[in-house]
């Protein structure tokens, strides 16, 4: 069940290659560490090289998504009522002053 929820979140994510790349990197890291503990030096070295490659691809994906979005964060323009509601939600004591 948890795996299905995680897979759904990855698919619905705005940047699906980033969590997929992170999971692949984690897989290589885990396998490499297990090989190291088991004394399989050659296999451990191969897994660590795979980890570096997966990390590189993930970083390139992050930069690609950032470049595609113009390196800028989308700004939401709030109406006066939304801004006032946000301020009141942030400071509960201001609500008390407003009621008096």
PDB file of N, CA and C in Angstrom:
ATOM      1  N   UNK A   1       0.824  -1.196   0.000  1.00  0.00           N
ATOM      2  CA  UNK A   1       0.000   0.000   0.000  1.00  0.00           C
ATOM      3  C   UNK A   1       0.868   1.261   0.000  1.00  0.00           C
ATOM      4  N   UNK A   2       1.873   1.272   0.876  1.00  0.00           N
ATOM      5  CA  UNK A   2       2.763   2.432   0.953  1.00  0.00           C
ATOM      6  C   UNK A   2       3.526   2.599  -0.364  1.00  0.00           C
ATOM      7  N   UNK A   3       3.930   1.477  -0.952  1.00  0.00           N
ATOM      8  CA  UNK A   3       4.645   1.529  -2.224  1.00  0.00           C
ATOM      9  C   UNK A   3       3.772   2.119  -3.331  1.00  0.00           C
ATOM     10  N   UNK A   4       2.497   1.752  -3.342  1.00  0.00           N
ATOM     11  CA  UNK A   4       1.583   2.299  -4.352  1.00  0.00           C
ATOM     12  C   UNK A   4       1.404   3.799  -4.180  1.00  0.00           C
ATOM     13  N   UNK A   5       1.298   4.255  -2.935  1.00  0.00           N
ATOM     14  CA  UNK A   5       1.167   5.692  -2.673  1.00  0.00           C
ATOM     15  C   UNK A   5       2.427   6.414  -3.136  1.00  0.00           C
ATOM     16  N   UNK A   6       3.592   5.852  -2.825  1.00  0.00           N
ATOM     17  CA  UNK A   6       4.858   6.466  -3.233  1.00  0.00           C
ATOM     18  C   UNK A   6       4.969   6.528  -4.753  1.00  0.00           C
ATOM     19  N   UNK A   7       4.604   5.444  -5.435  1.00  0.00           N
ATOM     20  CA  UNK A   7       4.659   5.442  -6.902  1.00  0.00           C
ATOM     21  C   UNK A   7       3.694   6.458  -7.500  1.00  0.00           C
ATOM     22  N   UNK A   8       2.508   6.590  -6.915  1.00  0.00           N
ATOM     23  CA  UNK A   8       1.542   7.577  -7.396  1.00  0.00           C
ATOM     24  C   UNK A   8       2.095   8.990  -7.240  1.00  0.00           C
ATOM     25  N   UNK A   9       2.738   9.269  -6.113  1.00  0.00           N
ATOM     26  CA  UNK A   9       3.308  10.602  -5.897  1.00  0.00           C
ATOM     27  C   UNK A   9       4.429  10.900  -6.887  1.00  0.00           C
ATOM     28  N   UNK A  10       5.219   9.879  -7.226  1.00  0.00           N
ATOM     29  CA  UNK A  10       6.298  10.074  -8.193  1.00  0.00           C
ATOM     30  C   UNK A  10       5.721  10.397  -9.564  1.00  0.00           C
ATOM     31  N   UNK A  11       4.705   9.663  -9.974  1.00  0.00           N
ATOM     32  CA  UNK A  11       4.103   9.879 -11.291  1.00  0.00           C
ATOM     33  C   UNK A  11       3.425  11.239 -11.366  1.00  0.00           C
ATOM     34  N   UNK A  12       2.763  11.659 -10.292  1.00  0.00           N
ATOM     35  CA  UNK A  12       2.041  12.923 -10.285  1.00  0.00           C
ATOM     36  C   UNK A  12       2.944  14.121 -10.007  1.00  0.00           C
ATOM     37  N   UNK A  13       4.201  13.888  -9.689  1.00  0.00           N
ATOM     38  CA  UNK A  13       5.149  14.954  -9.358  1.00  0.00           C
ATOM     39  C   UNK A  13       5.429  15.799 -10.594  1.00  0.00           C
ATOM     40  N   UNK A  14       5.688  17.098 -10.398  1.00  0.00           N
ATOM     41  CA  UNK A  14       5.984  17.990 -11.523  1.00  0.00           C
ATOM     42  C   UNK A  14       7.293  17.617 -12.207  1.00  0.00           C
ATOM     43  N   UNK A  15       8.206  17.039 -11.449  1.00  0.00           N
ATOM     44  CA  UNK A  15       9.507  16.666 -11.978  1.00  0.00           C
ATOM     45  C   UNK A  15       9.755  15.185 -11.682  1.00  0.00           C
ATOM     46  N   UNK A  16       9.119  14.285 -12.412  1.00  0.00           N
ATOM     47  CA  UNK A  16       9.184  12.857 -12.052  1.00  0.00           C
ATOM     48  C   UNK A  16      10.583  12.252 -12.155  1.00  0.00           C
ATOM     49  N   UNK A  17      11.468  12.814 -12.972  1.00  0.00           N
ATOM     50  CA  UNK A  17      12.805  12.231 -13.101  1.00  0.00           C
ATOM     51  C   UNK A  17      13.645  12.419 -11.840  1.00  0.00           C
ATOM     52  N   UNK A  18      13.348  13.442 -11.059  1.00  0.00           N
ATOM     53  CA  UNK A  18      14.137  13.707  -9.855  1.00  0.00           C
ATOM     54  C   UNK A  18      13.919  12.626  -8.792  1.00  0.00           C
ATOM     55  N   UNK A  19      12.684  12.326  -8.374  1.00  0.00           N
ATOM     56  CA  UNK A  19      12.537  11.255  -7.382  1.00  0.00           C
ATOM     57  C   UNK A  19      12.928   9.883  -7.936  1.00  0.00           C
ATOM     58  N   UNK A  20      12.696   9.645  -9.225  1.00  0.00           N
ATOM     59  CA  UNK A  20      13.111   8.371  -9.813  1.00  0.00           C
ATOM     60  C   UNK A  20      14.633   8.252  -9.775  1.00  0.00           C
ATOM     61  N   UNK A  21      15.338   9.313 -10.147  1.00  0.00           N
ATOM     62  CA  UNK A  21      16.801   9.314 -10.086  1.00  0.00           C
ATOM     63  C   UNK A  21      17.319   9.153  -8.676  1.00  0.00           C
ATOM     64  N   UNK A  22      16.627   9.754  -7.721  1.00  0.00           N
ATOM     65  CA  UNK A  22      17.028   9.613  -6.320  1.00  0.00           C
ATOM     66  C   UNK A  22      16.875   8.173  -5.846  1.00  0.00           C
ATOM     67  N   UNK A  23      15.793   7.523  -6.248  1.00  0.00           N
ATOM     68  CA  UNK A  23      15.581   6.121  -5.865  1.00  0.00           C
ATOM     69  C   UNK A  23      16.623   5.205  -6.520  1.00  0.00           C
ATOM     70  N   UNK A  24      16.959   5.480  -7.759  1.00  0.00           N
ATOM     71  CA  UNK A  24      17.988   4.682  -8.438  1.00  0.00           C
ATOM     72  C   UNK A  24      19.337   4.879  -7.749  1.00  0.00           C
ATOM     73  N   UNK A  25      19.652   6.123  -7.399  1.00  0.00           N
ATOM     74  CA  UNK A  25      20.890   6.416  -6.677  1.00  0.00           C
ATOM     75  C   UNK A  25      20.926   5.663  -5.355  1.00  0.00           C
ATOM     76  N   UNK A  26      19.816   5.683  -4.636  1.00  0.00           N
ATOM     77  CA  UNK A  26      19.737   4.966  -3.365  1.00  0.00           C
ATOM     78  C   UNK A  26      19.941   3.463  -3.569  1.00  0.00           C
ATOM     79  N   UNK A  27      19.388   2.918  -4.635  1.00  0.00           N
ATOM     80  CA  UNK A  27      19.572   1.499  -4.945  1.00  0.00           C
ATOM     81  C   UNK A  27      21.034   1.151  -5.180  1.00  0.00           C
ATOM     82  N   UNK A  28      21.722   1.972  -5.983  1.00  0.00           N
ATOM     83  CA  UNK A  28      23.141   1.733  -6.223  1.00  0.00           C
ATOM     84  C   UNK A  28      23.951   1.847  -4.933  1.00  0.00           C
ATOM     85  N   UNK A  29      23.626   2.860  -4.124  1.00  0.00           N
ATOM     86  CA  UNK A  29      24.348   3.052  -2.867  1.00  0.00           C
ATOM     87  C   UNK A  29      24.163   1.861  -1.933  1.00  0.00           C
ATOM     88  N   UNK A  30      22.924   1.415  -1.787  1.00  0.00           N
ATOM     89  CA  UNK A  30      22.634   0.284  -0.910  1.00  0.00           C
ATOM     90  C   UNK A  30      23.339  -0.978  -1.396  1.00  0.00           C
ATOM     91  N   UNK A  31      23.258  -1.238  -2.692  1.00  0.00           N
ATOM     92  CA  UNK A  31      23.904  -2.421  -3.254  1.00  0.00           C
ATOM     93  C   UNK A  31      25.421  -2.339  -3.114  1.00  0.00           C
ATOM     94  N   UNK A  32      25.975  -1.154  -3.330  1.00  0.00           N
ATOM     95  CA  UNK A  32      27.426  -0.973  -3.193  1.00  0.00           C
ATOM     96  C   UNK A  32      27.908  -1.178  -1.776  1.00  0.00           C
ATOM     97  N   UNK A  33      27.150  -0.661  -0.811  1.00  0.00           N
ATOM     98  CA  UNK A  33      27.537  -0.847   0.588  1.00  0.00           C
ATOM     99  C   UNK A  33      27.421  -2.303   1.011  1.00  0.00           C
ATOM    100  N   UNK A  34      26.383  -2.973   0.534  1.00  0.00           N
ATOM    101  CA  UNK A  34      26.209  -4.395   0.857  1.00  0.00           C
ATOM    102  C   UNK A  34      27.363  -5.204   0.258  1.00  0.00           C
ATOM    103  N   UNK A  35      27.743  -4.905  -0.969  1.00  0.00           N
ATOM    104  CA  UNK A  35      28.865  -5.598  -1.606  1.00  0.00           C
ATOM    105  C   UNK A  35      30.159  -5.346  -0.841  1.00  0.00           C
ATOM    106  N   UNK A  36      30.336  -4.126  -0.352  1.00  0.00           N
ATOM    107  CA  UNK A  36      31.532  -3.778   0.421  1.00  0.00           C
ATOM    108  C   UNK A  36      31.594  -4.591   1.710  1.00  0.00           C
ATOM    109  N   UNK A  37      30.460  -4.676   2.410  1.00  0.00           N
ATOM    110  CA  UNK A  37      30.398  -5.439   3.655  1.00  0.00           C
ATOM    111  C   UNK A  37      30.651  -6.925   3.385  1.00  0.00           C
ATOM    112  N   UNK A  38      30.156  -7.430   2.257  1.00  0.00           N
ATOM    113  CA  UNK A  38      30.341  -8.843   1.902  1.00  0.00           C
ATOM    114  C   UNK A  38      31.759  -9.132   1.395  1.00  0.00           C
ATOM    115  N   UNK A  39      32.571  -8.097   1.207  1.00  0.00           N
ATOM    116  CA  UNK A  39      33.950  -8.296   0.754  1.00  0.00           C
ATOM    117  C   UNK A  39      34.099  -8.402  -0.752  1.00  0.00           C
ATOM    118  N   UNK A  40      33.103  -8.001  -1.500  1.00  0.00           N
ATOM    119  CA  UNK A  40      33.159  -8.044  -2.966  1.00  0.00           C
ATOM    120  C   UNK A  40      33.592  -6.663  -3.478  1.00  0.00           C
ATOM    121  N   UNK A  41      34.895  -6.455  -3.478  1.00  0.00           N
ATOM    122  CA  UNK A  41      35.441  -5.133  -3.789  1.00  0.00           C
ATOM    123  C   UNK A  41      35.112  -4.674  -5.207  1.00  0.00           C
ATOM    124  N   UNK A  42      35.239  -5.572  -6.184  1.00  0.00           N
ATOM    125  CA  UNK A  42      34.984  -5.194  -7.579  1.00  0.00           C
ATOM    126  C   UNK A  42      33.527  -4.794  -7.778  1.00  0.00           C
ATOM    127  N   UNK A  43      32.619  -5.601  -7.236  1.00  0.00           N
ATOM    128  CA  UNK A  43      31.179  -5.296  -7.344  1.00  0.00           C
ATOM    129  C   UNK A  43      30.853  -3.984  -6.631  1.00  0.00           C
ATOM    130  N   UNK A  44      31.445  -3.774  -5.457  1.00  0.00           N
ATOM    131  CA  UNK A  44      31.222  -2.537  -4.707  1.00  0.00           C
ATOM    132  C   UNK A  44      31.674  -1.329  -5.526  1.00  0.00           C
ATOM    133  N   UNK A  45      32.833  -1.446  -6.166  1.00  0.00           N
ATOM    134  CA  UNK A  45      33.356  -0.353  -6.992  1.00  0.00           C
ATOM    135  C   UNK A  45      32.422  -0.062  -8.165  1.00  0.00           C
ATOM    136  N   UNK A  46      31.901  -1.109  -8.799  1.00  0.00           N
ATOM    137  CA  UNK A  46      30.975  -0.924  -9.917  1.00  0.00           C
ATOM    138  C   UNK A  46      29.688  -0.226  -9.456  1.00  0.00           C
ATOM    139  N   UNK A  47      29.188  -0.615  -8.302  1.00  0.00           N
ATOM    140  CA  UNK A  47      27.959  -0.002  -7.783  1.00  0.00           C
ATOM    141  C   UNK A  47      28.187   1.469  -7.432  1.00  0.00           C
ATOM    142  N   UNK A  48      29.353   1.784  -6.887  1.00  0.00           N
ATOM    143  CA  UNK A  48      29.636   3.181  -6.554  1.00  0.00           C
ATOM    144  C   UNK A  48      29.789   4.029  -7.815  1.00  0.00           C
ATOM    145  N   UNK A  49      30.332   3.436  -8.867  1.00  0.00           N
ATOM    146  CA  UNK A  49      30.406   4.163 -10.146  1.00  0.00           C
ATOM    147  C   UNK A  49      28.998   4.383 -10.710  1.00  0.00           C
ATOM    148  N   UNK A  50      28.151   3.379 -10.560  1.00  0.00           N
ATOM    149  CA  UNK A  50      26.759   3.525 -10.982  1.00  0.00           C
ATOM    150  C   UNK A  50      26.044   4.594 -10.179  1.00  0.00           C
ATOM    151  N   UNK A  51      26.346   4.657  -8.876  1.00  0.00           N
ATOM    152  CA  UNK A  51      25.747   5.683  -8.015  1.00  0.00           C
ATOM    153  C   UNK A  51      26.143   7.078  -8.480  1.00  0.00           C
ATOM    154  N   UNK A  52      27.422   7.251  -8.790  1.00  0.00           N
ATOM    155  CA  UNK A  52      27.894   8.558  -9.256  1.00  0.00           C
ATOM    156  C   UNK A  52      27.201   8.936 -10.569  1.00  0.00           C
ATOM    157  N   UNK A  53      27.072   7.970 -11.465  1.00  0.00           N
ATOM    158  CA  UNK A  53      26.392   8.222 -12.738  1.00  0.00           C
ATOM    159  C   UNK A  53      24.923   8.592 -12.505  1.00  0.00           C
ATOM    160  N   UNK A  54      24.239   7.844 -11.633  1.00  0.00           N
ATOM    161  CA  UNK A  54      22.828   8.131 -11.346  1.00  0.00           C
ATOM    162  C   UNK A  54      22.675   9.509 -10.694  1.00  0.00           C
ATOM    163  N   UNK A  55      23.594   9.857  -9.795  1.00  0.00           N
ATOM    164  CA  UNK A  55      23.552  11.179  -9.174  1.00  0.00           C
ATOM    165  C   UNK A  55      23.733  12.266 -10.215  1.00  0.00           C
ATOM    166  N   UNK A  56      24.673  12.059 -11.131  1.00  0.00           N
ATOM    167  CA  UNK A  56      24.918  13.042 -12.181  1.00  0.00           C
ATOM    168  C   UNK A  56      23.701  13.249 -13.062  1.00  0.00           C
ATOM    169  N   UNK A  57      23.056  12.150 -13.435  1.00  0.00           N
ATOM    170  CA  UNK A  57      21.847  12.247 -14.266  1.00  0.00           C
ATOM    171  C   UNK A  57      20.742  12.977 -13.500  1.00  0.00           C
ATOM    172  N   UNK A  58      20.619  12.704 -12.207  1.00  0.00           N
ATOM    173  CA  UNK A  58      19.601  13.376 -11.397  1.00  0.00           C
ATOM    174  C   UNK A  58      19.869  14.878 -11.312  1.00  0.00           C
ATOM    175  N   UNK A  59      21.119  15.256 -11.118  1.00  0.00           N
ATOM    176  CA  UNK A  59      21.464  16.684 -11.053  1.00  0.00           C
ATOM    177  C   UNK A  59      21.186  17.358 -12.396  1.00  0.00           C
ATOM    178  N   UNK A  60      21.516  16.675 -13.488  1.00  0.00           N
ATOM    179  CA  UNK A  60      21.223  17.229 -14.817  1.00  0.00           C
ATOM    180  C   UNK A  60      19.715  17.405 -14.996  1.00  0.00           C
ATOM    181  N   UNK A  61      18.927  16.442 -14.496  1.00  0.00           N
ATOM    182  CA  UNK A  61      17.464  16.555 -14.579  1.00  0.00           C
ATOM    183  C   UNK A  61      16.970  17.762 -13.784  1.00  0.00           C
ATOM    184  N   UNK A  62      17.520  17.958 -12.588  1.00  0.00           N
ATOM    185  CA  UNK A  62      17.133  19.115 -11.761  1.00  0.00           C
ATOM    186  C   UNK A  62      17.452  20.414 -12.501  1.00  0.00           C
ATOM    187  N   UNK A  63      18.659  20.499 -13.057  1.00  0.00           N
ATOM    188  CA  UNK A  63      19.044  21.711 -13.788  1.00  0.00           C
ATOM    189  C   UNK A  63      18.191  21.895 -15.043  1.00  0.00           C
ATOM    190  N   UNK A  64      17.854  20.796 -15.697  1.00  0.00           N
ATOM    191  CA  UNK A  64      17.001  20.874 -16.888  1.00  0.00           C
ATOM    192  C   UNK A  64      15.618  21.407 -16.558  1.00  0.00           C
ATOM    193  N   UNK A  65      15.033  20.904 -15.460  1.00  0.00           N
ATOM    194  CA  UNK A  65      13.722  21.414 -15.049  1.00  0.00           C
ATOM    195  C   UNK A  65      13.807  22.888 -14.655  1.00  0.00           C
ATOM    196  N   UNK A  66      14.902  23.253 -13.977  1.00  0.00           N
ATOM    197  CA  UNK A  66      15.062  24.653 -13.585  1.00  0.00           C
ATOM    198  C   UNK A  66      15.203  25.546 -14.819  1.00  0.00           C
ATOM    199  N   UNK A  67      15.972  25.092 -15.799  1.00  0.00           N
ATOM    200  CA  UNK A  67      16.143  25.880 -17.024  1.00  0.00           C
ATOM    201  C   UNK A  67      14.829  25.981 -17.792  1.00  0.00           C
ATOM    202  N   UNK A  68      14.073  24.894 -17.812  1.00  0.00           N
ATOM    203  CA  UNK A  68      12.796  24.913 -18.525  1.00  0.00           C
ATOM    204  C   UNK A  68      11.803  25.864 -17.875  1.00  0.00           C
ATOM    205  N   UNK A  69      11.920  26.023 -16.580  1.00  0.00           N
ATOM    206  CA  UNK A  69      11.030  26.939 -15.863  1.00  0.00           C
ATOM    207  C   UNK A  69      11.619  28.332 -15.738  1.00  0.00           C
ATOM    208  N   UNK A  70      12.739  28.574 -16.372  1.00  0.00           N
ATOM    209  CA  UNK A  70      13.317  29.914 -16.385  1.00  0.00           C
ATOM    210  C   UNK A  70      13.982  30.328 -15.095  1.00  0.00           C
ATOM    211  N   UNK A  71      14.382  29.379 -14.261  1.00  0.00           N
ATOM    212  CA  UNK A  71      15.056  29.672 -12.997  1.00  0.00           C
ATOM    213  C   UNK A  71      14.290  30.661 -12.138  1.00  0.00           C
ATOM    214  N   UNK A  72      12.992  30.694 -12.283  1.00  0.00           N
ATOM    215  CA  UNK A  72      12.223  31.624 -11.470  1.00  0.00           C
ATOM    216  C   UNK A  72      11.072  30.888 -10.811  1.00  0.00           C
ATOM    217  N   UNK A  73      10.700  31.404  -9.688  1.00  0.00           N
ATOM    218  CA  UNK A  73       9.614  30.801  -8.936  1.00  0.00           C
ATOM    219  C   UNK A  73       8.320  31.505  -9.324  1.00  0.00           C
ATOM    220  N   UNK A  74       7.291  30.708  -9.493  1.00  0.00           N
ATOM    221  CA  UNK A  74       5.999  31.287  -9.846  1.00  0.00           C
ATOM    222  C   UNK A  74       5.447  32.054  -8.651  1.00  0.00           C
ATOM    223  N   UNK A  75       5.056  33.290  -8.884  1.00  0.00           N
ATOM    224  CA  UNK A  75       4.525  34.112  -7.808  1.00  0.00           C
ATOM    225  C   UNK A  75       3.018  34.180  -7.923  1.00  0.00           C
ATOM    226  N   UNK A  76       2.366  33.970  -6.816  1.00  0.00           N
ATOM    227  CA  UNK A  76       0.918  34.073  -6.802  1.00  0.00           C
ATOM    228  C   UNK A  76       0.552  35.467  -6.301  1.00  0.00           C
ATOM    229  N   UNK A  77      -0.272  36.147  -7.059  1.00  0.00           N
ATOM    230  CA  UNK A  77      -0.713  37.481  -6.664  1.00  0.00           C
ATOM    231  C   UNK A  77      -1.958  37.309  -5.799  1.00  0.00           C
ATOM    232  N   UNK A  78      -1.849  37.776  -4.572  1.00  0.00           N
ATOM    233  CA  UNK A  78      -2.946  37.639  -3.623  1.00  0.00           C
ATOM    234  C   UNK A  78      -3.865  38.846  -3.694  1.00  0.00           C
ATOM    235  N   UNK A  79      -5.139  38.590  -3.520  1.00  0.00           N
ATOM    236  CA  UNK A  79      -6.069  39.702  -3.382  1.00  0.00           C
ATOM    237  C   UNK A  79      -5.911  40.277  -1.984  1.00  0.00           C
ATOM    238  N   UNK A  80      -6.478  41.432  -1.757  1.00  0.00           N
ATOM    239  CA  UNK A  80      -6.386  42.067  -0.443  1.00  0.00           C
ATOM    240  C   UNK A  80      -6.993  41.181   0.631  1.00  0.00           C
ATOM    241  N   UNK A  81      -8.118  40.554   0.346  1.00  0.00           N
ATOM    242  CA  UNK A  81      -8.776  39.692   1.331  1.00  0.00           C
ATOM    243  C   UNK A  81      -7.913  38.468   1.645  1.00  0.00           C
ATOM    244  N   UNK A  82      -7.272  37.869   0.625  1.00  0.00           N
ATOM    245  CA  UNK A  82      -6.413  36.706   0.852  1.00  0.00           C
ATOM    246  C   UNK A  82      -5.194  37.087   1.681  1.00  0.00           C
ATOM    247  N   UNK A  83      -4.623  38.263   1.374  1.00  0.00           N
ATOM    248  CA  UNK A  83      -3.464  38.729   2.129  1.00  0.00           C
ATOM    249  C   UNK A  83      -3.826  38.971   3.582  1.00  0.00           C
ATOM    250  N   UNK A  84      -4.971  39.616   3.819  1.00  0.00           N
ATOM    251  CA  UNK A  84      -5.410  39.876   5.186  1.00  0.00           C
ATOM    252  C   UNK A  84      -5.679  38.578   5.940  1.00  0.00           C
ATOM    253  N   UNK A  85      -6.281  37.598   5.262  1.00  0.00           N
ATOM    254  CA  UNK A  85      -6.550  36.307   5.900  1.00  0.00           C
ATOM    255  C   UNK A  85      -5.242  35.602   6.255  1.00  0.00           C
ATOM    256  N   UNK A  86      -4.237  35.705   5.392  1.00  0.00           N
ATOM    257  CA  UNK A  86      -2.943  35.084   5.666  1.00  0.00           C
ATOM    258  C   UNK A  86      -2.272  35.740   6.863  1.00  0.00           C
ATOM    259  N   UNK A  87      -2.369  37.062   6.947  1.00  0.00           N
ATOM    260  CA  UNK A  87      -1.773  37.779   8.088  1.00  0.00           C
ATOM    261  C   UNK A  87      -2.479  37.379   9.376  1.00  0.00           C
ATOM    262  N   UNK A  88      -3.799  37.317   9.340  1.00  0.00           N
ATOM    263  CA  UNK A  88      -4.547  36.948  10.539  1.00  0.00           C
ATOM    264  C   UNK A  88      -4.281  35.506  10.942  1.00  0.00           C
ATOM    265  N   UNK A  89      -4.075  34.632   9.990  1.00  0.00           N
ATOM    266  CA  UNK A  89      -3.774  33.237  10.311  1.00  0.00           C
ATOM    267  C   UNK A  89      -2.385  33.111  10.932  1.00  0.00           C
ATOM    268  N   UNK A  90      -1.476  33.982  10.525  1.00  0.00           N
ATOM    269  CA  UNK A  90      -0.112  33.919  11.040  1.00  0.00           C
ATOM    270  C   UNK A  90      -0.004  34.455  12.460  1.00  0.00           C
ATOM    271  N   UNK A  91      -0.821  35.411  12.798  1.00  0.00           N
ATOM    272  CA  UNK A  91      -0.767  36.011  14.126  1.00  0.00           C
ATOM    273  C   UNK A  91      -2.128  35.924  14.798  1.00  0.00           C
ATOM    274  N   UNK A  92      -2.360  34.848  15.560  1.00  0.00           N
ATOM    275  CA  UNK A  92      -3.667  34.678  16.214  1.00  0.00           C
ATOM    276  C   UNK A  92      -4.015  35.815  17.166  1.00  0.00           C
ATOM    277  N   UNK A  93      -3.014  36.424  17.791  1.00  0.00           N
ATOM    278  CA  UNK A  93      -3.307  37.524  18.709  1.00  0.00           C
ATOM    279  C   UNK A  93      -3.904  38.726  17.979  1.00  0.00           C
ATOM    280  N   UNK A  94      -3.626  38.882  16.707  1.00  0.00           N
ATOM    281  CA  UNK A  94      -4.236  39.977  15.946  1.00  0.00           C
ATOM    282  C   UNK A  94      -5.730  39.745  15.781  1.00  0.00           C
ATOM    283  N   UNK A  95      -6.140  38.475  15.694  1.00  0.00           N
ATOM    284  CA  UNK A  95      -7.560  38.155  15.600  1.00  0.00           C
ATOM    285  C   UNK A  95      -8.289  38.628  16.852  1.00  0.00           C
ATOM    286  N   UNK A  96      -7.661  38.402  17.986  1.00  0.00           N
ATOM    287  CA  UNK A  96      -8.270  38.818  19.250  1.00  0.00           C
ATOM    288  C   UNK A  96      -8.436  40.331  19.294  1.00  0.00           C
ATOM    289  N   UNK A  97      -7.443  41.051  18.805  1.00  0.00           N
ATOM    290  CA  UNK A  97      -7.531  42.513  18.778  1.00  0.00           C
ATOM    291  C   UNK A  97      -8.659  42.962  17.847  1.00  0.00           C
ATOM    292  N   UNK A  98      -8.836  42.243  16.738  1.00  0.00           N
ATOM    293  CA  UNK A  98      -9.852  42.603  15.783  1.00  0.00           C
ATOM    294  C   UNK A  98     -11.254  42.407  16.369  1.00  0.00           C
ATOM    295  N   UNK A  99     -11.409  41.351  17.182  1.00  0.00           N
ATOM    296  CA  UNK A  99     -12.719  41.067  17.761  1.00  0.00           C
ATOM    297  C   UNK A  99     -13.118  42.077  18.830  1.00  0.00           C
ATOM    298  N   UNK A 100     -12.142  42.687  19.487  1.00  0.00           N
ATOM    299  CA  UNK A 100     -12.456  43.649  20.568  1.00  0.00           C
ATOM    300  C   UNK A 100     -12.791  45.005  20.053  1.00  0.00           C
TER     301      UNK A 100
END
